[in-house]
Amino acid sequence: MIVPHPRCAFQGSLVALPTPFREGRVDLPALHALVDFHLDRGTDGLVVCGTTGEAPTLEDWERRAVLEATLARARGRLPVIAGVGTNDTRSTVAHARAAAELGADGLLVVTPYYNRPTQRGLEAHFGAVAEAVAQPIVLYNVPSRTGCDLLPATAAAIGERFPHVVAVKEALPSTERARAIVGETPCALLAGDDASIADFVSLGAVGAIDVVGNVVPEKIAELVRCSIPGQDARRAADLVEWLRPIVTDLYIETNPVPVKTAVALLIPALRDEVRLPLVPLEPANRARLETTLRTAGLL
């Protein structure tokens, strides 16, 4: 087991769930099937309404319905973290309060996208959210999508001011950044890049918020545990190599388009439907993904 972090109870493989749709509407029975899939396969926690959940396309009532359904189905057997971040501080605070009222175990707050705030702006933004709720908060840094980068010094300042800011989900695939978060902030580190899970955990991350766990949940939970310093580095290296083609193909187009296709192939109740401006996987890429999953013995 991972050594408990003094402020972060979230550890292991925390899988970022896609939001199932059917004919344009949120498909709650399919969401139940997806939660059941993870309850049976060793996943350590669930994240809803994040990037993989197509959060920017969800109406407020749909966010609420997805979180309520996930909490009800998980029934306390797995922690559920709700994505609440937007590029507007007032909206983010409103989403955070709503998720806290519904009983989310934690809140995932992405850096505001498109606006490109300064580090001082990021500190003010996250501070406003932290002042509004008591739930554990995970800061989410994904510069490739948002256009701004939450620096470790800024995360440290936020974490020192607010003890319930418990972790940073870092999507930059940088071991230097991982070391800085572990060594310079009071927050735990969660890997946010699927290809970097083993490296980040070996440097002190307590787990990952991952996409690939939707496809091979047991393998990712095992990878996290094997990558802990002093555990099974050889097995971790073997898993990284085995996972490499799957991880590559899950990003052959914009997430979550490939993972929705993969999950629909694995769980009959789900479809690969996405919302505009995303569109279904290109036929050639779908064929490639199917081949990769079949070669791995998953189909």
Protein backbone atom coordinates (compact mmCIF):
# COMPACT_ATOMS: atom_id res chain seq x y z
CA MET A 1 0.00 0.00 0.00
CA ILE A 2 1.03 3.60 -0.57
CA VAL A 3 2.22 5.38 2.57
CA PRO A 4 -0.71 7.61 3.60
CA HIS A 5 -0.26 11.30 2.83
CA PRO A 6 -0.77 13.58 5.84
CA ARG A 7 -3.61 15.46 4.16
CA CYS A 8 -4.78 13.42 1.14
CA ALA A 9 -6.96 10.33 1.51
CA PHE A 10 -7.20 9.79 -2.26
CA GLN A 11 -4.68 7.26 -3.52
CA GLY A 12 -4.24 4.53 -6.10
CA SER A 13 -6.01 4.46 -9.45
CA LEU A 14 -8.73 7.11 -9.56
CA VAL A 15 -10.43 6.60 -12.90
CA ALA A 16 -11.79 9.58 -14.83
CA LEU A 17 -15.15 8.35 -16.11
CA PRO A 18 -16.64 9.29 -19.48
CA THR A 19 -20.22 10.53 -19.39
CA PRO A 20 -22.41 8.06 -21.31
CA PHE A 21 -24.85 9.56 -23.80
CA ARG A 22 -27.71 8.01 -25.75
CA GLU A 23 -29.41 10.04 -28.47
CA GLY A 24 -28.09 13.26 -26.99
CA ARG A 25 -29.11 12.62 -23.40
CA VAL A 26 -27.11 11.46 -20.39
CA ASP A 27 -27.57 7.69 -20.15
CA LEU A 28 -27.86 6.91 -16.43
CA PRO A 29 -28.36 3.13 -16.81
CA ALA A 30 -25.11 3.02 -18.80
CA LEU A 31 -23.42 5.09 -16.09
CA HIS A 32 -24.58 2.54 -13.52
CA ALA A 33 -23.03 -0.23 -15.62
CA LEU A 34 -19.78 1.73 -15.82
CA VAL A 35 -19.64 2.22 -12.05
CA ASP A 36 -20.37 -1.49 -11.51
CA PHE A 37 -17.52 -2.34 -13.89
CA HIS A 38 -15.08 -0.45 -11.66
CA LEU A 39 -16.53 -1.74 -8.41
CA ASP A 40 -15.73 -5.26 -9.60
CA ARG A 41 -12.22 -4.59 -10.92
CA GLY A 42 -10.07 -3.01 -8.27
CA THR A 43 -10.38 0.68 -9.11
CA ASP A 44 -9.60 2.86 -6.07
CA GLY A 45 -11.84 5.83 -6.84
CA LEU A 46 -13.97 7.54 -9.48
CA VAL A 47 -13.82 11.02 -10.99
CA VAL A 48 -16.89 12.40 -12.77
CA CYS A 49 -17.57 15.53 -14.82
CA GLY A 50 -13.93 16.15 -15.67
CA THR A 51 -12.19 16.39 -19.02
CA THR A 52 -12.99 12.76 -19.84
CA GLY A 53 -16.58 13.40 -18.74
CA GLU A 54 -17.02 16.18 -21.34
CA ALA A 55 -17.87 18.59 -18.53
CA PRO A 56 -17.95 21.75 -20.72
CA THR A 57 -20.88 20.26 -22.66
CA LEU A 58 -22.97 19.35 -19.60
CA GLU A 59 -25.87 21.44 -18.34
CA ASP A 60 -25.86 22.16 -14.60
CA TRP A 61 -28.69 19.71 -13.99
CA GLU A 62 -26.82 17.04 -15.96
CA ARG A 63 -23.73 17.50 -13.79
CA ARG A 64 -25.94 17.05 -10.75
CA ALA A 65 -27.60 13.94 -12.20
CA VAL A 66 -24.26 12.32 -13.08
CA LEU A 67 -22.82 12.97 -9.61
CA GLU A 68 -25.99 11.83 -7.81
CA ALA A 69 -26.16 8.63 -9.86
CA THR A 70 -22.48 7.83 -9.32
CA LEU A 71 -22.66 8.44 -5.57
CA ALA A 72 -25.80 6.33 -5.27
CA ARG A 73 -24.32 3.45 -7.25
CA ALA A 74 -20.94 3.54 -5.50
CA ARG A 75 -22.70 3.64 -2.10
CA GLY A 76 -19.54 4.64 -0.28
CA ARG A 77 -17.54 1.69 -1.61
CA LEU A 78 -15.34 4.00 -3.66
CA PRO A 79 -14.60 7.70 -3.17
CA VAL A 80 -16.18 9.91 -5.81
CA ILE A 81 -14.47 13.14 -6.86
CA ALA A 82 -16.53 15.68 -8.80
CA GLY A 83 -15.05 17.91 -11.48
CA VAL A 84 -16.30 21.43 -10.80
CA GLY A 85 -13.82 23.68 -12.61
CA THR A 86 -14.71 26.20 -15.31
CA ASN A 87 -13.03 29.32 -16.67
CA ASP A 88 -15.30 31.52 -14.55
CA THR A 89 -14.67 31.72 -10.80
CA ARG A 90 -18.31 32.39 -9.91
CA SER A 91 -19.50 29.34 -11.88
CA THR A 92 -16.76 27.19 -10.37
CA VAL A 93 -17.77 28.21 -6.85
CA ALA A 94 -21.41 27.43 -7.64
CA HIS A 95 -20.50 24.00 -9.00
CA ALA A 96 -18.29 23.33 -5.98
CA ARG A 97 -21.05 24.21 -3.54
CA ALA A 98 -23.57 22.06 -5.41
CA ALA A 99 -21.22 19.05 -5.47
CA ALA A 100 -20.43 19.49 -1.78
CA GLU A 101 -24.13 19.55 -0.93
CA LEU A 102 -24.64 16.30 -2.84
CA GLY A 103 -21.90 14.63 -0.80
CA ALA A 104 -18.97 14.41 -3.23
CA ASP A 105 -15.91 13.05 -1.43
CA GLY A 106 -13.66 15.55 -3.18
CA LEU A 107 -13.62 18.28 -5.81
CA LEU A 108 -11.39 18.47 -8.88
CA VAL A 109 -10.78 22.08 -9.91
CA VAL A 110 -9.04 22.68 -13.23
CA THR A 111 -7.07 25.84 -13.95
CA PRO A 112 -9.32 28.32 -15.81
CA TYR A 113 -9.03 27.64 -19.53
CA TYR A 114 -8.84 30.23 -22.34
CA ASN A 115 -8.62 33.20 -19.94
CA ARG A 116 -4.92 32.50 -19.24
CA PRO A 117 -4.75 34.03 -15.74
CA THR A 118 -1.46 34.95 -14.09
CA GLN A 119 -0.14 32.97 -11.11
CA ARG A 120 -1.66 35.65 -8.86
CA GLY A 121 -4.97 35.16 -10.65
CA LEU A 122 -4.75 31.39 -10.19
CA GLU A 123 -4.09 31.83 -6.48
CA ALA A 124 -7.13 34.11 -6.18
CA HIS A 125 -9.31 31.74 -8.22
CA PHE A 126 -8.48 28.63 -6.23
CA GLY A 127 -8.64 30.62 -3.02
CA ALA A 128 -12.21 31.69 -3.78
CA VAL A 129 -13.23 28.07 -4.31
CA ALA A 130 -11.47 26.90 -1.15
CA GLU A 131 -13.15 29.62 0.90
CA ALA A 132 -16.57 28.50 -0.36
CA VAL A 133 -16.41 24.78 0.53
CA ALA A 134 -14.90 22.45 3.11
CA GLN A 135 -14.60 19.40 0.83
CA PRO A 136 -11.08 18.18 -0.08
CA ILE A 137 -9.90 19.95 -3.24
CA VAL A 138 -7.59 18.60 -5.94
CA LEU A 139 -5.96 21.26 -8.11
CA TYR A 140 -5.80 20.18 -11.76
CA ASN A 141 -3.02 21.43 -14.01
CA VAL A 142 -3.28 20.54 -17.71
CA PRO A 143 -1.58 23.32 -19.72
CA SER A 144 -2.06 21.56 -23.06
CA ARG A 145 -5.81 22.11 -22.75
CA THR A 146 -6.10 25.26 -20.66
CA GLY A 147 -3.33 27.51 -21.94
CA CYS A 148 -2.00 28.25 -18.45
CA ASP A 149 0.37 26.46 -16.12
CA LEU A 150 -0.08 26.18 -12.35
CA LEU A 151 3.48 26.44 -11.01
CA PRO A 152 4.55 24.43 -7.95
CA ALA A 153 5.24 27.62 -5.99
CA THR A 154 1.65 28.76 -6.59
CA ALA A 155 0.26 25.35 -5.62
CA ALA A 156 2.39 25.50 -2.47
CA ALA A 157 1.02 28.92 -1.55
CA ILE A 158 -2.56 27.72 -2.04
CA GLY A 159 -1.93 24.53 -0.09
CA GLU A 160 -0.28 26.36 2.79
CA ARG A 161 -3.24 28.71 3.06
CA PHE A 162 -5.93 26.02 2.77
CA PRO A 163 -5.31 22.61 4.43
CA HIS A 164 -8.26 21.10 2.57
CA VAL A 165 -6.44 21.63 -0.74
CA VAL A 166 -5.09 18.11 -0.61
CA ALA A 167 -3.48 17.30 -3.96
CA VAL A 168 -2.33 18.44 -7.37
CA LYS A 169 -3.29 16.45 -10.45
CA GLU A 170 -0.33 17.22 -12.69
CA ALA A 171 -0.75 16.43 -16.39
CA LEU A 172 2.62 17.75 -17.51
CA PRO A 173 4.73 14.62 -18.23
CA SER A 174 7.71 16.08 -16.38
CA THR A 175 9.65 14.29 -13.68
CA GLU A 176 11.15 17.65 -12.71
CA ARG A 177 7.66 18.99 -12.09
CA ALA A 178 6.73 15.85 -10.14
CA ARG A 179 9.75 16.24 -7.87
CA ALA A 180 8.92 19.90 -7.29
CA ILE A 181 5.33 19.19 -6.25
CA VAL A 182 6.39 16.37 -3.92
CA GLY A 183 9.28 18.31 -2.43
CA GLU A 184 8.02 21.89 -2.34
CA THR A 185 4.28 21.75 -1.64
CA PRO A 186 2.23 20.39 1.26
CA CYS A 187 -0.08 18.75 -1.29
CA ALA A 188 -0.02 15.18 -2.53
CA LEU A 189 0.82 14.49 -6.17
CA LEU A 190 -1.55 12.62 -8.49
CA ALA A 191 -0.33 11.70 -11.97
CA GLY A 192 -2.50 13.24 -14.67
CA ASP A 193 -0.65 11.80 -17.66
CA ASP A 194 -1.28 8.11 -18.31
CA ALA A 195 2.18 7.48 -19.73
CA SER A 196 3.83 8.96 -16.62
CA ILE A 197 2.02 7.02 -13.88
CA ALA A 198 4.92 4.71 -12.99
CA ASP A 199 7.50 7.51 -13.06
CA PHE A 200 5.38 9.82 -10.91
CA VAL A 201 4.56 7.15 -8.31
CA SER A 202 8.22 6.17 -8.11
CA LEU A 203 8.94 9.83 -7.24
CA GLY A 204 6.31 10.01 -4.52
CA ALA A 205 2.92 10.44 -6.17
CA VAL A 206 0.13 8.77 -4.20
CA GLY A 207 -1.73 7.65 -7.32
CA ALA A 208 -3.19 8.80 -10.60
CA ILE A 209 -6.35 10.27 -12.05
CA ASP A 210 -6.25 8.26 -15.23
CA VAL A 211 -8.11 7.56 -18.46
CA VAL A 212 -6.60 4.17 -19.33
CA GLY A 213 -8.10 2.70 -16.15
CA ASN A 214 -11.44 2.74 -17.97
CA VAL A 215 -10.09 -0.01 -20.22
CA VAL A 216 -7.75 -2.01 -17.97
CA PRO A 217 -8.66 -1.06 -14.40
CA GLU A 218 -6.94 -4.00 -12.73
CA LYS A 219 -3.69 -3.34 -14.58
CA ILE A 220 -3.57 0.35 -13.63
CA ALA A 221 -4.34 -0.34 -9.97
CA GLU A 222 -1.53 -2.91 -10.02
CA LEU A 223 0.83 -0.52 -11.80
CA VAL A 224 0.39 2.10 -9.10
CA ARG A 225 1.14 -0.39 -6.35
CA CYS A 226 4.14 -1.94 -8.11
CA SER A 227 5.66 1.48 -8.83
CA ILE A 228 5.90 2.47 -5.16
CA PRO A 229 9.57 2.66 -4.14
CA GLY A 230 10.69 -0.65 -2.70
CA GLN A 231 7.88 -2.65 -4.33
CA ASP A 232 8.09 -4.49 -7.67
CA ALA A 233 9.95 -2.24 -10.12
CA ARG A 234 10.42 -5.07 -12.64
CA ARG A 235 6.69 -5.84 -12.74
CA ALA A 236 5.98 -2.11 -13.08
CA ALA A 237 8.33 -1.89 -16.07
CA ASP A 238 6.64 -4.89 -17.69
CA LEU A 239 3.21 -3.30 -17.19
CA VAL A 240 4.38 -0.02 -18.69
CA GLU A 241 5.55 -1.83 -21.83
CA TRP A 242 2.35 -3.87 -22.09
CA LEU A 243 0.22 -0.75 -21.62
CA ARG A 244 2.17 1.44 -24.04
CA PRO A 245 0.17 0.68 -27.26
CA ILE A 246 -3.13 0.99 -25.40
CA VAL A 247 -2.19 4.34 -23.88
CA THR A 248 -0.95 5.57 -27.26
CA ASP A 249 -4.18 4.65 -29.03
CA LEU A 250 -6.39 6.16 -26.32
CA TYR A 251 -4.95 9.51 -27.40
CA ILE A 252 -4.97 8.89 -31.16
CA GLU A 253 -7.67 11.57 -31.25
CA THR A 254 -8.87 14.01 -28.61
CA ASN A 255 -9.81 12.46 -25.26
CA PRO A 256 -12.46 11.17 -24.57
CA VAL A 257 -13.31 10.10 -28.12
CA PRO A 258 -11.02 7.02 -28.22
CA VAL A 259 -11.74 5.89 -24.66
CA LYS A 260 -15.49 6.11 -25.27
CA THR A 261 -15.02 3.86 -28.29
CA ALA A 262 -12.95 1.41 -26.26
CA VAL A 263 -15.37 1.31 -23.32
CA ALA A 264 -18.31 0.76 -25.67
CA LEU A 265 -16.48 -2.26 -27.08
CA LEU A 266 -15.92 -3.65 -23.57
CA ILE A 267 -19.27 -2.88 -21.88
CA PRO A 268 -22.35 -3.68 -23.99
CA ALA A 269 -24.54 -1.11 -22.17
CA LEU A 270 -22.38 1.80 -23.33
CA ARG A 271 -22.21 3.64 -26.65
CA ASP A 272 -19.38 5.66 -28.17
CA GLU A 273 -21.57 8.77 -28.51
CA VAL A 274 -19.90 12.13 -27.86
CA ARG A 275 -21.23 15.68 -27.95
CA LEU A 276 -20.31 18.31 -30.48
CA PRO A 277 -17.84 19.80 -31.09
CA LEU A 278 -16.35 16.32 -30.62
CA VAL A 279 -17.22 13.74 -33.26
CA PRO A 280 -16.86 9.93 -33.35
CA LEU A 281 -13.51 8.31 -33.98
CA GLU A 282 -12.31 8.25 -37.60
CA PRO A 283 -12.93 4.76 -39.11
CA ALA A 284 -9.21 4.09 -39.63
CA ASN A 285 -8.44 5.04 -36.05
CA ARG A 286 -11.31 2.93 -34.77
CA ALA A 287 -9.92 -0.07 -36.65
CA ARG A 288 -6.47 0.58 -35.20
CA LEU A 289 -7.85 0.84 -31.66
CA GLU A 290 -9.85 -2.35 -32.05
CA THR A 291 -6.75 -4.17 -33.28
CA THR A 292 -4.75 -2.93 -30.29
CA LEU A 293 -7.42 -4.05 -27.84
CA ARG A 294 -7.74 -7.42 -29.56
CA THR A 295 -3.97 -7.94 -29.55
CA ALA A 296 -3.98 -7.21 -25.81
CA GLY A 297 -6.62 -9.90 -25.31
CA LEU A 298 -9.30 -7.45 -24.23
CA LEU A 299 -11.80 -8.27 -27.01
